[in-house]
Amino acid sequence: KILNQKWDKDINSQTTMGETDKQLPSLVSQLEEQNRNMQALINHILLQPGNSVSLPDFNPGMEGSDPKSWINTVECCLAEDKRMGPTLVISLSKALKGEAISWFTSVVSPELTWETF
C-alpha cells in the first residue's frame, strides 16, 4: 500500500511538472514584459526635472547660518525648476535640518509652493 501511494504521488508530480513545462514560455514572457515595464518606469522617474536639482541644507541651529542667504540660494536653484506640491515638500524636507524641519512639518501642506513657503 505504501508503495502504491508513493507511485501515485510520483505520477501526480510528473503531471504537475508537465503542466508547468507547458506554462513556462508564457510565464517567461510575462516576466520579460514586467521587466520592460519596470525599466520604462524607472527611466521615466529618473528623467523627471524634479530629480535634477537638490537644495542646499539649512540648519538654523548652526553658527553662521543665514536664512536670507539660504533663501536667495534656493531661489537661484529653483529659477528654472518650478517645484510645487509634493516635489517641493520632498526637496525642502531633505534640505531643512534641526528646528527648521520641526517647524516645517507643522506647517506643510500638499499644495505648497515656493511663494507660500
Protein backbone atom coordinates (compact mmCIF):
# COMPACT_ATOMS: atom_id res chain seq x y z
CA LYS A 1 0.00 0.00 0.00
CA ILE A 2 2.83 2.44 0.85
CA LEU A 3 4.47 1.67 -2.50
CA ASN A 4 1.21 2.44 -4.32
CA GLN A 5 0.90 5.80 -2.50
CA LYS A 6 4.47 6.74 -3.48
CA TRP A 7 3.82 5.69 -7.09
CA ASP A 8 0.59 7.77 -7.19
CA LYS A 9 2.47 10.76 -5.76
CA ASP A 10 5.25 10.42 -8.37
CA ILE A 11 2.68 10.20 -11.20
CA ASN A 12 0.87 13.31 -9.91
CA SER A 13 4.19 15.17 -9.61
CA GLN A 14 5.04 14.32 -13.22
CA THR A 15 1.65 15.56 -14.38
CA THR A 16 2.15 18.82 -12.49
CA MET A 17 5.66 19.21 -13.90
CA GLY A 18 4.32 18.60 -17.41
CA GLU A 19 1.72 21.31 -16.95
CA THR A 20 4.34 23.68 -15.55
CA ASP A 21 6.60 22.99 -18.54
CA LYS A 22 3.75 23.98 -20.84
CA GLN A 23 3.19 27.21 -18.90
CA LEU A 24 6.88 28.12 -18.73
CA PRO A 25 7.08 30.09 -22.03
CA SER A 26 4.04 32.13 -21.00
CA LEU A 27 5.49 32.81 -17.55
CA VAL A 28 8.85 33.84 -19.02
CA SER A 29 7.06 36.16 -21.44
CA GLN A 30 5.11 37.75 -18.58
CA LEU A 31 8.29 38.28 -16.55
CA GLU A 32 10.05 39.85 -19.52
CA GLU A 33 7.09 42.21 -20.04
CA GLN A 34 7.14 43.15 -16.35
CA ASN A 35 10.87 43.85 -16.58
CA ARG A 36 10.35 46.10 -19.62
CA ASN A 37 7.56 47.98 -17.85
CA MET A 38 9.65 48.39 -14.69
CA GLN A 39 12.63 49.67 -16.68
CA ALA A 40 10.42 52.17 -18.51
CA LEU A 41 9.02 53.38 -15.17
CA ILE A 42 12.49 53.75 -13.66
CA ASN A 43 13.71 55.67 -16.71
CA HIS A 44 10.66 57.95 -16.55
CA ILE A 45 11.24 58.70 -12.86
CA LEU A 46 14.94 59.38 -13.36
CA LEU A 47 14.26 61.79 -16.22
CA GLN A 48 11.79 63.91 -14.24
CA PRO A 49 13.00 67.51 -13.83
CA GLY A 50 12.27 67.35 -10.09
CA ASN A 51 15.14 64.92 -9.66
CA SER A 52 17.74 67.20 -11.24
CA VAL A 53 18.20 69.84 -8.50
CA SER A 54 18.99 69.32 -4.85
CA LEU A 55 18.61 72.19 -2.43
CA PRO A 56 21.36 73.25 -0.01
CA ASP A 57 20.92 72.24 3.62
CA PHE A 58 19.65 74.80 6.12
CA ASN A 59 20.05 74.35 9.86
CA PRO A 60 19.18 77.47 11.89
CA GLY A 61 21.00 75.98 14.91
CA MET A 62 24.36 76.06 13.14
CA GLU A 63 26.59 79.01 13.89
CA GLY A 64 26.70 81.41 10.96
CA SER A 65 23.54 80.13 9.29
CA ASP A 66 21.82 82.94 7.43
CA PRO A 67 18.18 82.44 6.40
CA LYS A 68 18.24 85.25 3.82
CA SER A 69 21.32 83.83 2.10
CA TRP A 70 19.79 80.35 2.09
CA ILE A 71 16.54 81.68 0.58
CA ASN A 72 18.48 83.56 -2.12
CA THR A 73 20.47 80.42 -2.94
CA VAL A 74 17.34 78.27 -3.13
CA GLU A 75 15.65 80.84 -5.38
CA CYS A 76 18.62 80.56 -7.75
CA CYS A 77 18.31 76.76 -7.65
CA LEU A 78 14.59 76.94 -8.40
CA ALA A 79 14.80 79.67 -11.07
CA GLU A 80 14.21 77.17 -13.89
CA ASP A 81 12.73 74.37 -11.79
CA LYS A 82 9.31 75.49 -10.60
CA ARG A 83 8.71 72.84 -7.97
CA MET A 84 5.45 72.72 -6.12
CA GLY A 85 3.29 70.36 -4.11
CA PRO A 86 4.82 67.00 -3.19
CA THR A 87 8.02 67.61 -5.17
CA LEU A 88 8.74 70.83 -3.26
CA VAL A 89 7.76 69.23 0.06
CA ILE A 90 10.24 66.39 -0.52
CA SER A 91 13.03 68.77 -1.56
CA LEU A 92 12.52 71.03 1.45
CA SER A 93 12.22 68.04 3.80
CA LYS A 94 15.66 66.89 2.66
CA ALA A 95 17.22 70.36 2.95
CA LEU A 96 15.84 71.61 6.27
CA LYS A 97 17.56 70.48 9.46
CA GLY A 98 17.14 70.95 13.21
CA GLU A 99 14.45 73.40 14.31
CA ALA A 100 13.69 74.26 10.68
CA ILE A 101 12.42 70.76 9.88
CA SER A 102 10.41 70.68 13.11
CA TRP A 103 8.71 73.93 12.13
CA PHE A 104 8.25 72.79 8.52
CA THR A 105 6.47 69.57 9.45
CA SER A 106 3.95 71.59 11.46
CA VAL A 107 3.01 73.91 8.57
CA VAL A 108 3.47 71.78 5.43
CA SER A 109 0.58 71.17 3.02
CA PRO A 110 0.27 69.20 -0.25
CA GLU A 111 -0.46 72.43 -2.17
CA LEU A 112 2.78 74.10 -1.05
CA THR A 113 4.50 76.46 -3.49
CA TRP A 114 7.81 78.27 -3.03
CA GLU A 115 5.95 81.59 -2.78
CA THR A 116 3.74 80.36 0.07
CA PHE A 117 6.72 78.79 1.82
